């Protein structure tokens, strides 16, 4: 598999410059807030935006090099780009959309994506999941050397998103070309990509596997983006542990050494919920009202005071938890990270 090389690519934006250096082999996700420059990176690779500096190449094939004044047109770059809104041609049928690039007949892709029965339908008659399949088929029918996906799941409802995410995961695993996808959803990135690059204000904050970002977030933004609760407080070292006094007076401990103002990251799945006080004095305890309960499938997210916990829906029913009820959210010192 060839590698997509993005070397010191710079693109001036309104409030800052996008500056990115990244090698893409397999599937890599660019994640971050809206306006961070993620989609601009895709457009620069595809040739739709011209960087002010840097170099873009796939293997030995150079697509852009500011110093050598190389800037291939989009047509000469073997990049398959799937836009967030899919950008299907409304006056064309599914088959005509797929065959637009004129590189391959549509039959293989109609069969591969399970949309043969839709070949004569126009985009207006397709569901969100069907439109995405057509857009992917059209991109791959160009026989690209790189696949670029801009928020591939953002336009889908929750049920469709879960189904299409699983399909996309299987597809990307077998492509054999570099894939760069953009998303603002860490859950999507973790499901689809082997490596994740967190981009904020045009700069990379951290890069790693999804598990590495969760285990060792570089800062409070990365921790929050990966789903952690952020607890602000004043830390002091007491014996072998660090004691942190939160703004509301609650005292928690962490195994990390710290002193002064700190932010603790605690992930929802590391928190246990009960309606009676814990018997283990080594546990950190937040005692407060249940502010909200959100059930998704067989899991439930509960906001208790300043923290959000994730437990099974069965546990919610067994404990009889409801909004307004007092509950205990507990977590170990080793389950916290100073960020």
Foldseek 3Di string as FASTA:
>chain_A
DWKKFWFQFWADDDPFIFTDTDIFFFEEEEAEDPPLCQVVVVCCQLLNGPTCATWIATHPRTQDHNVVGHHHHNLPAQEQEQEPQRPFDQVAFLQCSLCVLVQDGLVVLCVVLVNPVRRGPGPVPDDPLVSLSSSVSSSCSSVGQEYEYEASQVVDDPVSSVVSLVVQQVVSVPPRHGYYYYHNQLVSRLSRGQKYFYGGNNDTPDIDHLVCCCVCPPDPVSLVSNAWQKFKFFWDDDPQWIWTQGPVRFIAIANDDDGGIWIKTAHQAQKDKAQDDDPDPQKRKDKAFFADWDDDPQKIWTDGPRGIHIDGPVVCVVRVHDGGHIMIIIGHNHRMDTD
